[in-house]
Amino acid sequence: MSGVVEPQPPGDDQVDREEALIGGLSWIARRRVGTFIHLPAIGVRAAIRQLVPIDPAETDAVTEKETRR
């Protein structure tokens, strides 16, 4: 992932997508405004996490590749 600077150990990571409602439509619609991965914070206890912005296109490509398996 391009937003992650340091190599990360393998495992299950939590990814959050931040969305905003699109107003003025006759149906409910949202647009993505950010995608973040939860990683251990550098230099502090493992219980503390940091949010790192990542490219949503990369996340979508990985998800699509995994669902084809």
PDB file of N, CA and C in Angstrom:
ATOM      1  N   MET A   1       0.835  -1.165   0.000  1.00  0.00           N
ATOM      2  CA  MET A   1       0.000   0.000   0.000  1.00  0.00           C
ATOM      3  C   MET A   1       0.893   1.246   0.000  1.00  0.00           C
ATOM      4  N   SER A   2       0.587   2.160  -0.856  1.00  0.00           N
ATOM      5  CA  SER A   2       1.453   3.322  -1.025  1.00  0.00           C
ATOM      6  C   SER A   2       1.449   4.259   0.179  1.00  0.00           C
ATOM      7  N   GLY A   3       0.395   4.293   0.992  1.00  0.00           N
ATOM      8  CA  GLY A   3       0.348   5.174   2.148  1.00  0.00           C
ATOM      9  C   GLY A   3       1.107   4.649   3.348  1.00  0.00           C
ATOM     10  N   VAL A   4       1.506   3.376   3.313  1.00  0.00           N
ATOM     11  CA  VAL A   4       2.199   2.739   4.427  1.00  0.00           C
ATOM     12  C   VAL A   4       3.694   2.783   4.147  1.00  0.00           C
ATOM     13  N   VAL A   5       4.449   3.450   5.016  1.00  0.00           N
ATOM     14  CA  VAL A   5       5.875   3.652   4.788  1.00  0.00           C
ATOM     15  C   VAL A   5       6.687   2.433   5.219  1.00  0.00           C
ATOM     16  N   GLU A   6       6.443   1.934   6.425  1.00  0.00           N
ATOM     17  CA  GLU A   6       7.198   0.813   6.979  1.00  0.00           C
ATOM     18  C   GLU A   6       6.551  -0.516   6.591  1.00  0.00           C
ATOM     19  N   PRO A   7       7.378  -1.568   6.379  1.00  0.00           N
ATOM     20  CA  PRO A   7       6.801  -2.902   6.169  1.00  0.00           C
ATOM     21  C   PRO A   7       6.009  -3.309   7.414  1.00  0.00           C
ATOM     22  N   GLN A   8       4.873  -3.960   7.203  1.00  0.00           N
ATOM     23  CA  GLN A   8       4.003  -4.382   8.298  1.00  0.00           C
ATOM     24  C   GLN A   8       3.985  -5.896   8.388  1.00  0.00           C
ATOM     25  N   PRO A   9       3.858  -6.438   9.601  1.00  0.00           N
ATOM     26  CA  PRO A   9       3.776  -7.890   9.734  1.00  0.00           C
ATOM     27  C   PRO A   9       2.459  -8.391   9.136  1.00  0.00           C
ATOM     28  N   PRO A  10       2.428  -9.646   8.686  1.00  0.00           N
ATOM     29  CA  PRO A  10       1.181 -10.175   8.135  1.00  0.00           C
ATOM     30  C   PRO A  10       0.118 -10.266   9.213  1.00  0.00           C
ATOM     31  N   GLY A  11      -1.124 -10.193   8.782  1.00  0.00           N
ATOM     32  CA  GLY A  11      -2.242 -10.303   9.714  1.00  0.00           C
ATOM     33  C   GLY A  11      -3.470  -9.622   9.153  1.00  0.00           C
ATOM     34  N   ASP A  12      -4.518  -9.640   9.944  1.00  0.00           N
ATOM     35  CA  ASP A  12      -5.766  -8.995   9.556  1.00  0.00           C
ATOM     36  C   ASP A  12      -5.742  -7.550  10.036  1.00  0.00           C
ATOM     37  N   ASP A  13      -5.881  -6.620   9.111  1.00  0.00           N
ATOM     38  CA  ASP A  13      -5.876  -5.202   9.445  1.00  0.00           C
ATOM     39  C   ASP A  13      -7.261  -4.621   9.217  1.00  0.00           C
ATOM     40  N   GLN A  14      -7.612  -3.640  10.021  1.00  0.00           N
ATOM     41  CA  GLN A  14      -8.900  -2.973   9.887  1.00  0.00           C
ATOM     42  C   GLN A  14      -8.748  -1.802   8.933  1.00  0.00           C
ATOM     43  N   VAL A  15      -9.641  -1.723   7.955  1.00  0.00           N
ATOM     44  CA  VAL A  15      -9.667  -0.621   6.994  1.00  0.00           C
ATOM     45  C   VAL A  15     -10.996   0.106   7.153  1.00  0.00           C
ATOM     46  N   ASP A  16     -10.941   1.423   7.300  1.00  0.00           N
ATOM     47  CA  ASP A  16     -12.139   2.249   7.431  1.00  0.00           C
ATOM     48  C   ASP A  16     -12.296   3.113   6.196  1.00  0.00           C
ATOM     49  N   ARG A  17     -13.526   3.208   5.733  1.00  0.00           N
ATOM     50  CA  ARG A  17     -13.853   4.113   4.634  1.00  0.00           C
ATOM     51  C   ARG A  17     -14.724   5.216   5.183  1.00  0.00           C
ATOM     52  N   GLU A  18     -14.275   6.435   5.023  1.00  0.00           N
ATOM     53  CA  GLU A  18     -15.062   7.592   5.458  1.00  0.00           C
ATOM     54  C   GLU A  18     -15.907   8.057   4.282  1.00  0.00           C
ATOM     55  N   GLU A  19     -17.214   8.219   4.520  1.00  0.00           N
ATOM     56  CA  GLU A  19     -18.132   8.609   3.455  1.00  0.00           C
ATOM     57  C   GLU A  19     -18.944   9.826   3.872  1.00  0.00           C
ATOM     58  N   ALA A  20     -19.392  10.579   2.888  1.00  0.00           N
ATOM     59  CA  ALA A  20     -20.244  11.741   3.127  1.00  0.00           C
ATOM     60  C   ALA A  20     -21.518  11.581   2.311  1.00  0.00           C
ATOM     61  N   LEU A  21     -22.635  11.990   2.906  1.00  0.00           N
ATOM     62  CA  LEU A  21     -23.906  11.952   2.181  1.00  0.00           C
ATOM     63  C   LEU A  21     -23.906  12.980   1.058  1.00  0.00           C
ATOM     64  N   ILE A  22     -24.490  12.593  -0.054  1.00  0.00           N
ATOM     65  CA  ILE A  22     -24.669  13.517  -1.171  1.00  0.00           C
ATOM     66  C   ILE A  22     -26.097  14.040  -1.068  1.00  0.00           C
ATOM     67  N   GLY A  23     -26.236  15.323  -0.846  1.00  0.00           N
ATOM     68  CA  GLY A  23     -27.558  15.921  -0.670  1.00  0.00           C
ATOM     69  C   GLY A  23     -28.225  16.278  -1.985  1.00  0.00           C
ATOM     70  N   GLY A  24     -29.521  16.550  -1.905  1.00  0.00           N
ATOM     71  CA  GLY A  24     -30.259  17.034  -3.060  1.00  0.00           C
ATOM     72  C   GLY A  24     -30.738  15.949  -4.005  1.00  0.00           C
ATOM     73  N   LEU A  25     -30.629  14.692  -3.621  1.00  0.00           N
ATOM     74  CA  LEU A  25     -31.089  13.603  -4.485  1.00  0.00           C
ATOM     75  C   LEU A  25     -32.362  13.002  -3.899  1.00  0.00           C
ATOM     76  N   SER A  26     -33.121  12.293  -4.722  1.00  0.00           N
ATOM     77  CA  SER A  26     -34.345  11.663  -4.242  1.00  0.00           C
ATOM     78  C   SER A  26     -34.077  10.276  -3.649  1.00  0.00           C
ATOM     79  N   TRP A  27     -32.819   9.876  -3.576  1.00  0.00           N
ATOM     80  CA  TRP A  27     -32.422   8.622  -2.956  1.00  0.00           C
ATOM     81  C   TRP A  27     -31.186   8.874  -2.097  1.00  0.00           C
ATOM     82  N   ILE A  28     -30.864   7.927  -1.239  1.00  0.00           N
ATOM     83  CA  ILE A  28     -29.688   8.069  -0.378  1.00  0.00           C
ATOM     84  C   ILE A  28     -28.443   7.680  -1.177  1.00  0.00           C
ATOM     85  N   ALA A  29     -27.479   8.569  -1.214  1.00  0.00           N
ATOM     86  CA  ALA A  29     -26.228   8.307  -1.915  1.00  0.00           C
ATOM     87  C   ALA A  29     -25.074   8.850  -1.074  1.00  0.00           C
ATOM     88  N   ARG A  30     -23.957   8.168  -1.158  1.00  0.00           N
ATOM     89  CA  ARG A  30     -22.758   8.578  -0.423  1.00  0.00           C
ATOM     90  C   ARG A  30     -21.571   8.589  -1.380  1.00  0.00           C
ATOM     91  N   ARG A  31     -20.581   9.401  -1.021  1.00  0.00           N
ATOM     92  CA  ARG A  31     -19.320   9.383  -1.774  1.00  0.00           C
ATOM     93  C   ARG A  31     -18.186   9.173  -0.783  1.00  0.00           C
ATOM     94  N   ARG A  32     -17.184   8.452  -1.213  1.00  0.00           N
ATOM     95  CA  ARG A  32     -16.039   8.176  -0.351  1.00  0.00           C
ATOM     96  C   ARG A  32     -15.162   9.416  -0.260  1.00  0.00           C
ATOM     97  N   VAL A  33     -14.798   9.800   0.948  1.00  0.00           N
ATOM     98  CA  VAL A  33     -13.935  10.969   1.134  1.00  0.00           C
ATOM     99  C   VAL A  33     -12.578  10.585   1.729  1.00  0.00           C
ATOM    100  N   GLY A  34     -12.428   9.345   2.148  1.00  0.00           N
ATOM    101  CA  GLY A  34     -11.141   8.917   2.684  1.00  0.00           C
ATOM    102  C   GLY A  34     -11.145   7.436   2.994  1.00  0.00           C
ATOM    103  N   THR A  35      -9.967   6.817   2.905  1.00  0.00           N
ATOM    104  CA  THR A  35      -9.784   5.417   3.258  1.00  0.00           C
ATOM    105  C   THR A  35      -8.549   5.334   4.132  1.00  0.00           C
ATOM    106  N   PHE A  36      -8.674   4.648   5.278  1.00  0.00           N
ATOM    107  CA  PHE A  36      -7.597   4.582   6.269  1.00  0.00           C
ATOM    108  C   PHE A  36      -7.399   3.155   6.743  1.00  0.00           C
ATOM    109  N   ILE A  37      -6.154   2.821   7.067  1.00  0.00           N
ATOM    110  CA  ILE A  37      -5.840   1.526   7.648  1.00  0.00           C
ATOM    111  C   ILE A  37      -5.347   1.758   9.078  1.00  0.00           C
ATOM    112  N   HIS A  38      -5.749   0.898   9.998  1.00  0.00           N
ATOM    113  CA  HIS A  38      -5.317   0.977  11.395  1.00  0.00           C
ATOM    114  C   HIS A  38      -4.007   0.208  11.532  1.00  0.00           C
ATOM    115  N   LEU A  39      -2.958   0.873  11.998  1.00  0.00           N
ATOM    116  CA  LEU A  39      -1.645   0.245  12.202  1.00  0.00           C
ATOM    117  C   LEU A  39      -1.152   0.554  13.611  1.00  0.00           C
ATOM    118  N   PRO A  40      -0.257  -0.289  14.136  1.00  0.00           N
ATOM    119  CA  PRO A  40       0.324   0.044  15.447  1.00  0.00           C
ATOM    120  C   PRO A  40       1.079   1.362  15.370  1.00  0.00           C
ATOM    121  N   ALA A  41       0.943   2.192  16.393  1.00  0.00           N
ATOM    122  CA  ALA A  41       1.666   3.457  16.437  1.00  0.00           C
ATOM    123  C   ALA A  41       3.156   3.185  16.633  1.00  0.00           C
ATOM    124  N   ILE A  42       3.988   3.981  16.029  1.00  0.00           N
ATOM    125  CA  ILE A  42       5.442   3.793  16.091  1.00  0.00           C
ATOM    126  C   ILE A  42       5.969   4.288  17.425  1.00  0.00           C
ATOM    127  N   GLY A  43       6.757   3.455  18.108  1.00  0.00           N
ATOM    128  CA  GLY A  43       7.446   3.861  19.326  1.00  0.00           C
ATOM    129  C   GLY A  43       6.590   3.924  20.578  1.00  0.00           C
ATOM    130  N   VAL A  44       5.383   3.369  20.539  1.00  0.00           N
ATOM    131  CA  VAL A  44       4.532   3.352  21.735  1.00  0.00           C
ATOM    132  C   VAL A  44       3.954   1.961  21.930  1.00  0.00           C
ATOM    133  N   ARG A  45       3.199   1.799  22.992  1.00  0.00           N
ATOM    134  CA  ARG A  45       2.616   0.496  23.299  1.00  0.00           C
ATOM    135  C   ARG A  45       1.773  -0.020  22.144  1.00  0.00           C
ATOM    136  N   ALA A  46       1.741  -1.346  22.008  1.00  0.00           N
ATOM    137  CA  ALA A  46       1.015  -1.971  20.898  1.00  0.00           C
ATOM    138  C   ALA A  46      -0.486  -1.723  20.954  1.00  0.00           C
ATOM    139  N   ALA A  47      -1.017  -1.374  22.123  1.00  0.00           N
ATOM    140  CA  ALA A  47      -2.459  -1.150  22.240  1.00  0.00           C
ATOM    141  C   ALA A  47      -2.898   0.139  21.542  1.00  0.00           C
ATOM    142  N   ILE A  48      -1.969   1.033  21.291  1.00  0.00           N
ATOM    143  CA  ILE A  48      -2.295   2.307  20.635  1.00  0.00           C
ATOM    144  C   ILE A  48      -2.143   2.127  19.127  1.00  0.00           C
ATOM    145  N   ARG A  49      -3.123   2.605  18.382  1.00  0.00           N
ATOM    146  CA  ARG A  49      -3.131   2.447  16.928  1.00  0.00           C
ATOM    147  C   ARG A  49      -3.055   3.816  16.262  1.00  0.00           C
ATOM    148  N   GLN A  50      -2.618   3.835  15.023  1.00  0.00           N
ATOM    149  CA  GLN A  50      -2.631   5.059  14.233  1.00  0.00           C
ATOM    150  C   GLN A  50      -3.428   4.802  12.955  1.00  0.00           C
ATOM    151  N   LEU A  51      -4.042   5.833  12.441  1.00  0.00           N
ATOM    152  CA  LEU A  51      -4.751   5.752  11.172  1.00  0.00           C
ATOM    153  C   LEU A  51      -3.852   6.302  10.082  1.00  0.00           C
ATOM    154  N   VAL A  52      -3.651   5.509   9.042  1.00  0.00           N
ATOM    155  CA  VAL A  52      -2.802   5.912   7.929  1.00  0.00           C
ATOM    156  C   VAL A  52      -3.672   5.986   6.677  1.00  0.00           C
ATOM    157  N   PRO A  53      -3.693   7.135   5.989  1.00  0.00           N
ATOM    158  CA  PRO A  53      -4.488   7.220   4.754  1.00  0.00           C
ATOM    159  C   PRO A  53      -3.884   6.327   3.672  1.00  0.00           C
ATOM    160  N   ILE A  54      -4.750   5.637   2.940  1.00  0.00           N
ATOM    161  CA  ILE A  54      -4.302   4.765   1.850  1.00  0.00           C
ATOM    162  C   ILE A  54      -5.132   5.058   0.610  1.00  0.00           C
ATOM    163  N   ASP A  55      -4.624   4.635  -0.532  1.00  0.00           N
ATOM    164  CA  ASP A  55      -5.295   4.844  -1.814  1.00  0.00           C
ATOM    165  C   ASP A  55      -6.456   3.850  -1.939  1.00  0.00           C
ATOM    166  N   PRO A  56      -7.692   4.335  -2.071  1.00  0.00           N
ATOM    167  CA  PRO A  56      -8.826   3.420  -2.159  1.00  0.00           C
ATOM    168  C   PRO A  56      -8.777   2.509  -3.388  1.00  0.00           C
ATOM    169  N   ALA A  57      -8.153   2.939  -4.461  1.00  0.00           N
ATOM    170  CA  ALA A  57      -8.046   2.088  -5.655  1.00  0.00           C
ATOM    171  C   ALA A  57      -7.207   0.851  -5.351  1.00  0.00           C
ATOM    172  N   GLU A  58      -6.149   1.008  -4.554  1.00  0.00           N
ATOM    173  CA  GLU A  58      -5.330  -0.142  -4.158  1.00  0.00           C
ATOM    174  C   GLU A  58      -6.133  -1.106  -3.288  1.00  0.00           C
ATOM    175  N   THR A  59      -6.900  -0.557  -2.355  1.00  0.00           N
ATOM    176  CA  THR A  59      -7.726  -1.387  -1.481  1.00  0.00           C
ATOM    177  C   THR A  59      -8.769  -2.150  -2.296  1.00  0.00           C
ATOM    178  N   ASP A  60      -9.411  -1.478  -3.233  1.00  0.00           N
ATOM    179  CA  ASP A  60     -10.419  -2.122  -4.079  1.00  0.00           C
ATOM    180  C   ASP A  60      -9.793  -3.237  -4.918  1.00  0.00           C
ATOM    181  N   ALA A  61      -8.596  -3.017  -5.447  1.00  0.00           N
ATOM    182  CA  ALA A  61      -7.919  -4.034  -6.266  1.00  0.00           C
ATOM    183  C   ALA A  61      -7.585  -5.270  -5.436  1.00  0.00           C
ATOM    184  N   VAL A  62      -7.115  -5.069  -4.210  1.00  0.00           N
ATOM    185  CA  VAL A  62      -6.781  -6.199  -3.335  1.00  0.00           C
ATOM    186  C   VAL A  62      -8.048  -6.967  -2.966  1.00  0.00           C
ATOM    187  N   THR A  63      -9.112  -6.250  -2.642  1.00  0.00           N
ATOM    188  CA  THR A  63     -10.380  -6.894  -2.284  1.00  0.00           C
ATOM    189  C   THR A  63     -10.918  -7.709  -3.452  1.00  0.00           C
ATOM    190  N   GLU A  64     -10.873  -7.146  -4.650  1.00  0.00           N
ATOM    191  CA  GLU A  64     -11.354  -7.857  -5.829  1.00  0.00           C
ATOM    192  C   GLU A  64     -10.522  -9.110  -6.087  1.00  0.00           C
ATOM    193  N   LYS A  65      -9.211  -9.002  -5.935  1.00  0.00           N
ATOM    194  CA  LYS A  65      -8.318 -10.150  -6.147  1.00  0.00           C
ATOM    195  C   LYS A  65      -8.619 -11.256  -5.140  1.00  0.00           C
ATOM    196  N   GLU A  66      -8.873 -10.893  -3.876  1.00  0.00           N
ATOM    197  CA  GLU A  66      -9.155 -11.885  -2.835  1.00  0.00           C
ATOM    198  C   GLU A  66     -10.504 -12.577  -3.048  1.00  0.00           C
ATOM    199  N   THR A  67     -11.490 -11.859  -3.563  1.00  0.00           N
ATOM    200  CA  THR A  67     -12.808 -12.461  -3.755  1.00  0.00           C
ATOM    201  C   THR A  67     -12.834 -13.423  -4.942  1.00  0.00           C
ATOM    202  N   ARG A  68     -11.881 -13.281  -5.861  1.00  0.00           N
ATOM    203  CA  ARG A  68     -11.795 -14.194  -7.002  1.00  0.00           C
ATOM    204  C   ARG A  68     -11.171 -15.530  -6.632  1.00  0.00           C
ATOM    205  N   ARG A  69     -10.493 -15.604  -5.495  1.00  0.00           N
ATOM    206  CA  ARG A  69      -9.823 -16.859  -5.084  1.00  0.00           C
ATOM    207  C   ARG A  69     -10.797 -17.890  -4.654  1.00  0.00           C
TER     208      ARG A  69
END
